[in-house]
Amino acid sequence: MPANIKISEIFYSIQGESSYAGLPCIFIRLSGCNLRCNYCDAAYTWEEGDPWSIDSILAKVNSYPCDLVEVTGGEPLLQKNCPELLAGLSTQGKKTLLETNGSIAINAIPDETIAILDVKCPDSGSKDSFHPDNLLLIRNRLAATPGSAELKFVLSTQDDYIWAKNFISQHQLVGLLPILFSPVQPGVTAQDLADWILKDGLDVRLQIQLHTILWPTISRGV
């Protein structure tokens, strides 16, 4: 029986986040999530979705003029066939990103996939969800395949900023991999976050969701 994956949507847009922001990208948004973050902008993925075979997903991806693909959600690693999909994309020559909420161990994903993991801050409503194995798994991935992981912190308050700064220091992450700080407005403005980063001299990337600037009135398919 063909491997199926429950899909919320597949679309072609501009990558709005991560170190790949600004590049054309194909998005495969999987259904289902085990967290309920209070700032979630894709809550429609929690329940809805349709089963697709991996072959049909790959065919859809190949209909777009692009070799950068992100598998996202929801939480994509909840679906057992997600690693198979990632491997299939890589086999077809795609540069593949996986955006995960960090709550599930990333040991099953292919080495060539670039894992972008959220670390949920206290004011997200999903505090302490980061899987305890993932920091070691990240280090192992980076040793084997440099550039294969990034960390993202979404900040709702200045307390979240301080917490994220301490997390980075505690786990000696500076210089290890790209670290992304993203503000949740109106709780934290981009200007506030920029000021804090500059004041503290942090080696992190300020990330503003580019797609929300390009298409401010559209919430899906961008």
C-alpha atoms as a PDB file:
ATOM      1  CA  MET A   1       0.000   0.000   0.000  1.00  0.00           C
ATOM      2  CA  PRO A   2       1.406   3.447  -0.920  1.00  0.00           C
ATOM      3  CA  ALA A   3       2.611   5.594   1.970  1.00  0.00           C
ATOM      4  CA  ASN A   4       0.115   8.390   2.633  1.00  0.00           C
ATOM      5  CA  ILE A   5       0.580  11.723   4.354  1.00  0.00           C
ATOM      6  CA  LYS A   6      -2.198  14.036   5.483  1.00  0.00           C
ATOM      7  CA  ILE A   7      -1.727  17.386   3.754  1.00  0.00           C
ATOM      8  CA  SER A   8      -3.308  20.729   4.585  1.00  0.00           C
ATOM      9  CA  GLU A   9      -1.956  22.593   1.549  1.00  0.00           C
ATOM     10  CA  ILE A  10       0.846  22.721  -1.012  1.00  0.00           C
ATOM     11  CA  PHE A  11       1.772  26.079  -2.515  1.00  0.00           C
ATOM     12  CA  TYR A  12       4.549  28.078  -4.173  1.00  0.00           C
ATOM     13  CA  SER A  13       5.597  31.348  -2.583  1.00  0.00           C
ATOM     14  CA  ILE A  14       8.508  33.358  -1.201  1.00  0.00           C
ATOM     15  CA  GLN A  15      10.227  31.905   1.840  1.00  0.00           C
ATOM     16  CA  GLY A  16       9.339  34.292   4.648  1.00  0.00           C
ATOM     17  CA  GLU A  17      11.499  32.939   7.471  1.00  0.00           C
ATOM     18  CA  SER A  18      14.804  31.228   8.323  1.00  0.00           C
ATOM     19  CA  SER A  19      18.190  31.875   6.708  1.00  0.00           C
ATOM     20  CA  TYR A  20      16.489  31.180   3.375  1.00  0.00           C
ATOM     21  CA  ALA A  21      14.085  34.137   3.625  1.00  0.00           C
ATOM     22  CA  GLY A  22      13.482  35.891   0.348  1.00  0.00           C
ATOM     23  CA  LEU A  23      13.969  32.850  -1.886  1.00  0.00           C
ATOM     24  CA  PRO A  24      11.210  31.234  -3.966  1.00  0.00           C
ATOM     25  CA  CYS A  25      10.074  28.093  -2.154  1.00  0.00           C
ATOM     26  CA  ILE A  26       7.512  25.311  -2.424  1.00  0.00           C
ATOM     27  CA  PHE A  27       5.669  24.693   0.844  1.00  0.00           C
ATOM     28  CA  ILE A  28       4.196  21.341   1.843  1.00  0.00           C
ATOM     29  CA  ARG A  29       2.060  21.991   4.915  1.00  0.00           C
ATOM     30  CA  LEU A  30       1.182  18.824   6.806  1.00  0.00           C
ATOM     31  CA  SER A  31      -1.885  18.475   9.014  1.00  0.00           C
ATOM     32  CA  GLY A  32      -1.985  17.930  12.761  1.00  0.00           C
ATOM     33  CA  CYS A  33      -0.147  19.457  15.696  1.00  0.00           C
ATOM     34  CA  ASN A  34       0.544  18.355  19.266  1.00  0.00           C
ATOM     35  CA  LEU A  35       0.977  21.926  20.593  1.00  0.00           C
ATOM     36  CA  ARG A  36      -1.408  24.858  20.893  1.00  0.00           C
ATOM     37  CA  CYS A  37       0.785  27.961  20.826  1.00  0.00           C
ATOM     38  CA  ASN A  38      -1.218  31.094  21.483  1.00  0.00           C
ATOM     39  CA  TYR A  39       0.279  32.976  18.506  1.00  0.00           C
ATOM     40  CA  CYS A  40      -0.219  30.164  15.966  1.00  0.00           C
ATOM     41  CA  ASP A  41      -0.909  31.486  12.458  1.00  0.00           C
ATOM     42  CA  ALA A  42      -1.763  28.057  11.022  1.00  0.00           C
ATOM     43  CA  ALA A  43      -4.378  26.755  13.451  1.00  0.00           C
ATOM     44  CA  TYR A  44      -6.371  25.469  10.477  1.00  0.00           C
ATOM     45  CA  THR A  45      -3.817  22.664  10.213  1.00  0.00           C
ATOM     46  CA  TRP A  46      -4.734  21.236  13.604  1.00  0.00           C
ATOM     47  CA  GLU A  47      -7.642  19.243  12.230  1.00  0.00           C
ATOM     48  CA  GLU A  48      -8.220  19.577   8.488  1.00  0.00           C
ATOM     49  CA  GLY A  49      -6.322  17.847   5.702  1.00  0.00           C
ATOM     50  CA  ASP A  50      -6.475  15.208   2.982  1.00  0.00           C
ATOM     51  CA  PRO A  51      -4.390  12.057   2.465  1.00  0.00           C
ATOM     52  CA  TRP A  52      -1.864  12.257  -0.364  1.00  0.00           C
ATOM     53  CA  SER A  53       0.495   9.543  -1.558  1.00  0.00           C
ATOM     54  CA  ILE A  54       4.168  10.485  -1.510  1.00  0.00           C
ATOM     55  CA  ASP A  55       4.283   9.997  -5.283  1.00  0.00           C
ATOM     56  CA  SER A  56       1.438  12.484  -5.766  1.00  0.00           C
ATOM     57  CA  ILE A  57       3.148  15.010  -3.476  1.00  0.00           C
ATOM     58  CA  LEU A  58       6.380  14.698  -5.441  1.00  0.00           C
ATOM     59  CA  ALA A  59       4.495  15.126  -8.716  1.00  0.00           C
ATOM     60  CA  LYS A  60       2.842  18.292  -7.403  1.00  0.00           C
ATOM     61  CA  VAL A  61       6.187  19.656  -6.224  1.00  0.00           C
ATOM     62  CA  ASN A  62       7.708  18.973  -9.643  1.00  0.00           C
ATOM     63  CA  SER A  63       4.976  21.068 -11.294  1.00  0.00           C
ATOM     64  CA  TYR A  64       6.577  24.227  -9.872  1.00  0.00           C
ATOM     65  CA  PRO A  65       9.769  25.867 -11.228  1.00  0.00           C
ATOM     66  CA  CYS A  66      11.692  25.654  -7.964  1.00  0.00           C
ATOM     67  CA  ASP A  67      14.188  23.389  -6.170  1.00  0.00           C
ATOM     68  CA  LEU A  68      13.776  24.736  -2.611  1.00  0.00           C
ATOM     69  CA  VAL A  69      11.062  22.926  -0.643  1.00  0.00           C
ATOM     70  CA  GLU A  70       9.914  23.342   2.956  1.00  0.00           C
ATOM     71  CA  VAL A  71       7.936  20.688   4.797  1.00  0.00           C
ATOM     72  CA  THR A  72       6.044  22.372   7.613  1.00  0.00           C
ATOM     73  CA  GLY A  73       2.811  22.128   9.579  1.00  0.00           C
ATOM     74  CA  GLY A  74       1.211  21.838  12.013  1.00  0.00           C
ATOM     75  CA  GLU A  75       3.891  19.516  13.271  1.00  0.00           C
ATOM     76  CA  PRO A  76       5.175  17.422  10.353  1.00  0.00           C
ATOM     77  CA  LEU A  77       7.041  14.851  12.461  1.00  0.00           C
ATOM     78  CA  LEU A  78       3.765  13.634  13.959  1.00  0.00           C
ATOM     79  CA  GLN A  79       3.247  11.790  10.671  1.00  0.00           C
ATOM     80  CA  LYS A  80       5.354   8.630  10.501  1.00  0.00           C
ATOM     81  CA  ASN A  81       5.916   8.912   6.741  1.00  0.00           C
ATOM     82  CA  CYS A  82       7.403  12.412   6.926  1.00  0.00           C
ATOM     83  CA  PRO A  83      11.040  11.148   6.837  1.00  0.00           C
ATOM     84  CA  GLU A  84      10.197   9.122   3.720  1.00  0.00           C
ATOM     85  CA  LEU A  85       8.795  12.240   2.066  1.00  0.00           C
ATOM     86  CA  LEU A  86      11.922  14.223   2.961  1.00  0.00           C
ATOM     87  CA  ALA A  87      14.124  11.492   1.530  1.00  0.00           C
ATOM     88  CA  GLY A  88      12.041  11.403  -1.658  1.00  0.00           C
ATOM     89  CA  LEU A  89      12.403  15.141  -2.125  1.00  0.00           C
ATOM     90  CA  SER A  90      16.173  14.923  -1.704  1.00  0.00           C
ATOM     91  CA  THR A  91      16.361  12.039  -4.165  1.00  0.00           C
ATOM     92  CA  GLN A  92      14.679  14.280  -6.727  1.00  0.00           C
ATOM     93  CA  GLY A  93      17.356  16.918  -6.245  1.00  0.00           C
ATOM     94  CA  LYS A  94      15.377  19.287  -4.035  1.00  0.00           C
ATOM     95  CA  LYS A  95      16.999  21.334  -1.271  1.00  0.00           C
ATOM     96  CA  THR A  96      14.714  20.493   1.599  1.00  0.00           C
ATOM     97  CA  LEU A  97      13.871  22.369   4.789  1.00  0.00           C
ATOM     98  CA  LEU A  98      11.889  20.904   7.677  1.00  0.00           C
ATOM     99  CA  GLU A  99      10.228  23.298  10.103  1.00  0.00           C
ATOM    100  CA  THR A 100       9.358  21.529  13.340  1.00  0.00           C
ATOM    101  CA  ASN A 101       8.123  22.752  16.717  1.00  0.00           C
ATOM    102  CA  GLY A 102      11.030  20.990  18.453  1.00  0.00           C
ATOM    103  CA  SER A 103       8.886  18.704  20.592  1.00  0.00           C
ATOM    104  CA  ILE A 104       9.752  15.521  18.667  1.00  0.00           C
ATOM    105  CA  ALA A 105      13.247  14.028  18.314  1.00  0.00           C
ATOM    106  CA  ILE A 106      14.760  14.672  14.882  1.00  0.00           C
ATOM    107  CA  ASN A 107      16.831  11.472  14.710  1.00  0.00           C
ATOM    108  CA  ALA A 108      14.744   9.968  11.868  1.00  0.00           C
ATOM    109  CA  ILE A 109      15.096  12.786   9.337  1.00  0.00           C
ATOM    110  CA  PRO A 110      17.635  12.491   6.488  1.00  0.00           C
ATOM    111  CA  ASP A 111      21.072  14.038   6.979  1.00  0.00           C
ATOM    112  CA  GLU A 112      20.656  16.271   3.937  1.00  0.00           C
ATOM    113  CA  THR A 113      17.456  17.868   5.269  1.00  0.00           C
ATOM    114  CA  ILE A 114      17.939  21.254   6.936  1.00  0.00           C
ATOM    115  CA  ALA A 115      16.109  21.073  10.268  1.00  0.00           C
ATOM    116  CA  ILE A 116      14.657  24.362  11.541  1.00  0.00           C
ATOM    117  CA  LEU A 117      13.570  23.775  15.134  1.00  0.00           C
ATOM    118  CA  ASP A 118      11.448  26.038  17.289  1.00  0.00           C
ATOM    119  CA  VAL A 119      12.339  26.408  20.937  1.00  0.00           C
ATOM    120  CA  LYS A 120       9.065  27.404  22.564  1.00  0.00           C
ATOM    121  CA  CYS A 121       9.424  30.290  25.007  1.00  0.00           C
ATOM    122  CA  PRO A 122       7.402  30.498  28.251  1.00  0.00           C
ATOM    123  CA  ASP A 123       4.797  32.959  26.981  1.00  0.00           C
ATOM    124  CA  SER A 124       3.978  30.825  23.925  1.00  0.00           C
ATOM    125  CA  GLY A 125       1.683  28.624  25.987  1.00  0.00           C
ATOM    126  CA  SER A 126       3.859  25.601  25.099  1.00  0.00           C
ATOM    127  CA  LYS A 127       6.668  26.009  27.609  1.00  0.00           C
ATOM    128  CA  ASP A 128       9.024  23.061  28.201  1.00  0.00           C
ATOM    129  CA  SER A 129       7.961  21.260  25.016  1.00  0.00           C
ATOM    130  CA  PHE A 130      11.466  21.081  23.479  1.00  0.00           C
ATOM    131  CA  HIS A 131      12.542  17.433  23.232  1.00  0.00           C
ATOM    132  CA  PRO A 132      15.512  16.825  25.561  1.00  0.00           C
ATOM    133  CA  ASP A 133      17.411  14.786  22.931  1.00  0.00           C
ATOM    134  CA  ASN A 134      17.310  17.444  20.257  1.00  0.00           C
ATOM    135  CA  LEU A 135      20.268  19.546  21.412  1.00  0.00           C
ATOM    136  CA  LEU A 136      22.595  16.541  21.160  1.00  0.00           C
ATOM    137  CA  LEU A 137      20.974  15.453  17.893  1.00  0.00           C
ATOM    138  CA  ILE A 138      21.548  18.943  16.488  1.00  0.00           C
ATOM    139  CA  ARG A 139      25.222  18.829  17.424  1.00  0.00           C
ATOM    140  CA  ASN A 140      25.582  15.386  15.830  1.00  0.00           C
ATOM    141  CA  ARG A 141      23.840  16.581  12.638  1.00  0.00           C
ATOM    142  CA  LEU A 142      26.049  19.628  12.357  1.00  0.00           C
ATOM    143  CA  ALA A 143      29.202  17.544  12.889  1.00  0.00           C
ATOM    144  CA  ALA A 144      28.171  15.223  10.054  1.00  0.00           C
ATOM    145  CA  THR A 145      26.592  17.845   7.768  1.00  0.00           C
ATOM    146  CA  PRO A 146      27.518  21.478   8.481  1.00  0.00           C
ATOM    147  CA  GLY A 147      24.620  23.884   7.979  1.00  0.00           C
ATOM    148  CA  SER A 148      21.950  21.224   8.496  1.00  0.00           C
ATOM    149  CA  ALA A 149      20.172  22.833  11.473  1.00  0.00           C
ATOM    150  CA  GLU A 150      18.828  26.175  12.684  1.00  0.00           C
ATOM    151  CA  LEU A 151      17.055  27.232  15.887  1.00  0.00           C
ATOM    152  CA  LYS A 152      14.146  29.659  16.064  1.00  0.00           C
ATOM    153  CA  PHE A 153      12.765  31.524  19.076  1.00  0.00           C
ATOM    154  CA  VAL A 154       9.406  33.307  18.726  1.00  0.00           C
ATOM    155  CA  LEU A 155       9.230  36.062  21.336  1.00  0.00           C
ATOM    156  CA  SER A 156       5.968  37.345  22.776  1.00  0.00           C
ATOM    157  CA  THR A 157       7.411  39.468  25.596  1.00  0.00           C
ATOM    158  CA  GLN A 158      10.695  40.863  26.878  1.00  0.00           C
ATOM    159  CA  ASP A 159      10.656  38.025  29.410  1.00  0.00           C
ATOM    160  CA  ASP A 160      10.725  35.592  26.470  1.00  0.00           C
ATOM    161  CA  TYR A 161      13.717  37.464  25.050  1.00  0.00           C
ATOM    162  CA  ILE A 162      15.609  37.153  28.349  1.00  0.00           C
ATOM    163  CA  TRP A 163      14.663  33.468  28.602  1.00  0.00           C
ATOM    164  CA  ALA A 164      15.865  32.777  25.036  1.00  0.00           C
ATOM    165  CA  LYS A 165      19.116  34.660  25.650  1.00  0.00           C
ATOM    166  CA  ASN A 166      19.747  32.534  28.758  1.00  0.00           C
ATOM    167  CA  PHE A 167      18.873  29.308  26.897  1.00  0.00           C
ATOM    168  CA  ILE A 168      21.441  30.102  24.214  1.00  0.00           C
ATOM    169  CA  SER A 169      24.110  30.875  26.799  1.00  0.00           C
ATOM    170  CA  GLN A 170      23.315  27.864  28.995  1.00  0.00           C
ATOM    171  CA  HIS A 171      23.614  25.429  26.088  1.00  0.00           C
ATOM    172  CA  GLN A 172      26.601  27.171  24.452  1.00  0.00           C
ATOM    173  CA  LEU A 173      24.848  27.636  21.112  1.00  0.00           C
ATOM    174  CA  VAL A 174      26.450  30.886  19.944  1.00  0.00           C
ATOM    175  CA  GLY A 175      28.459  30.247  16.788  1.00  0.00           C
ATOM    176  CA  LEU A 176      27.219  26.674  16.480  1.00  0.00           C
ATOM    177  CA  LEU A 177      24.318  27.305  14.114  1.00  0.00           C
ATOM    178  CA  PRO A 178      22.040  30.095  12.870  1.00  0.00           C
ATOM    179  CA  ILE A 179      19.803  31.368  15.670  1.00  0.00           C
ATOM    180  CA  LEU A 180      16.645  33.221  14.670  1.00  0.00           C
ATOM    181  CA  PHE A 181      14.684  35.631  16.887  1.00  0.00           C
ATOM    182  CA  SER A 182      11.180  36.511  15.689  1.00  0.00           C
ATOM    183  CA  PRO A 183       8.847  39.027  17.377  1.00  0.00           C
ATOM    184  CA  VAL A 184       5.145  38.445  18.030  1.00  0.00           C
ATOM    185  CA  GLN A 185       3.408  41.768  17.587  1.00  0.00           C
ATOM    186  CA  PRO A 186       1.996  43.707  19.342  1.00  0.00           C
ATOM    187  CA  GLY A 187       3.702  42.130  22.353  1.00  0.00           C
ATOM    188  CA  VAL A 188       7.190  42.731  20.928  1.00  0.00           C
ATOM    189  CA  THR A 189       7.821  45.114  18.058  1.00  0.00           C
ATOM    190  CA  ALA A 190      10.582  44.467  15.553  1.00  0.00           C
ATOM    191  CA  GLN A 191      12.209  47.734  16.624  1.00  0.00           C
ATOM    192  CA  ASP A 192      12.187  46.722  20.297  1.00  0.00           C
ATOM    193  CA  LEU A 193      13.744  43.389  19.445  1.00  0.00           C
ATOM    194  CA  ALA A 194      16.395  45.057  17.294  1.00  0.00           C
ATOM    195  CA  ASP A 195      17.262  47.418  20.156  1.00  0.00           C
ATOM    196  CA  TRP A 196      17.615  44.547  22.653  1.00  0.00           C
ATOM    197  CA  ILE A 197      19.802  42.511  20.291  1.00  0.00           C
ATOM    198  CA  LEU A 198      22.086  45.482  19.639  1.00  0.00           C
ATOM    199  CA  LYS A 199      22.287  46.440  23.322  1.00  0.00           C
ATOM    200  CA  ASP A 200      23.276  42.903  24.313  1.00  0.00           C
ATOM    201  CA  GLY A 201      25.495  42.269  21.290  1.00  0.00           C
ATOM    202  CA  LEU A 202      23.774  38.989  20.518  1.00  0.00           C
ATOM    203  CA  ASP A 203      24.940  36.906  17.568  1.00  0.00           C
ATOM    204  CA  VAL A 204      21.402  36.144  16.373  1.00  0.00           C
ATOM    205  CA  ARG A 205      19.367  36.939  13.267  1.00  0.00           C
ATOM    206  CA  LEU A 206      16.338  39.227  13.658  1.00  0.00           C
ATOM    207  CA  GLN A 207      13.609  37.569  11.636  1.00  0.00           C
ATOM    208  CA  ILE A 208      10.476  39.322  10.441  1.00  0.00           C
ATOM    209  CA  GLN A 209       7.921  37.216   8.572  1.00  0.00           C
ATOM    210  CA  LEU A 210       8.504  38.483   5.054  1.00  0.00           C
ATOM    211  CA  HIS A 211       5.330  36.933   3.656  1.00  0.00           C
ATOM    212  CA  THR A 212       3.184  38.986   6.084  1.00  0.00           C
ATOM    213  CA  ILE A 213       4.720  42.148   4.638  1.00  0.00           C
ATOM    214  CA  LEU A 214       4.317  41.075   1.018  1.00  0.00           C
ATOM    215  CA  TRP A 215       0.743  39.788   1.422  1.00  0.00           C
ATOM    216  CA  PRO A 216      -0.674  41.400   4.596  1.00  0.00           C
ATOM    217  CA  THR A 217      -4.313  40.509   3.820  1.00  0.00           C
ATOM    218  CA  ILE A 218      -3.708  36.846   2.927  1.00  0.00           C
ATOM    219  CA  SER A 219      -3.326  34.236   5.663  1.00  0.00           C
ATOM    220  CA  ARG A 220      -3.060  31.027   3.603  1.00  0.00           C
ATOM    221  CA  GLY A 221      -1.120  29.914   0.579  1.00  0.00           C
ATOM    222  CA  VAL A 222       1.670  32.427   1.080  1.00  0.00           C
END
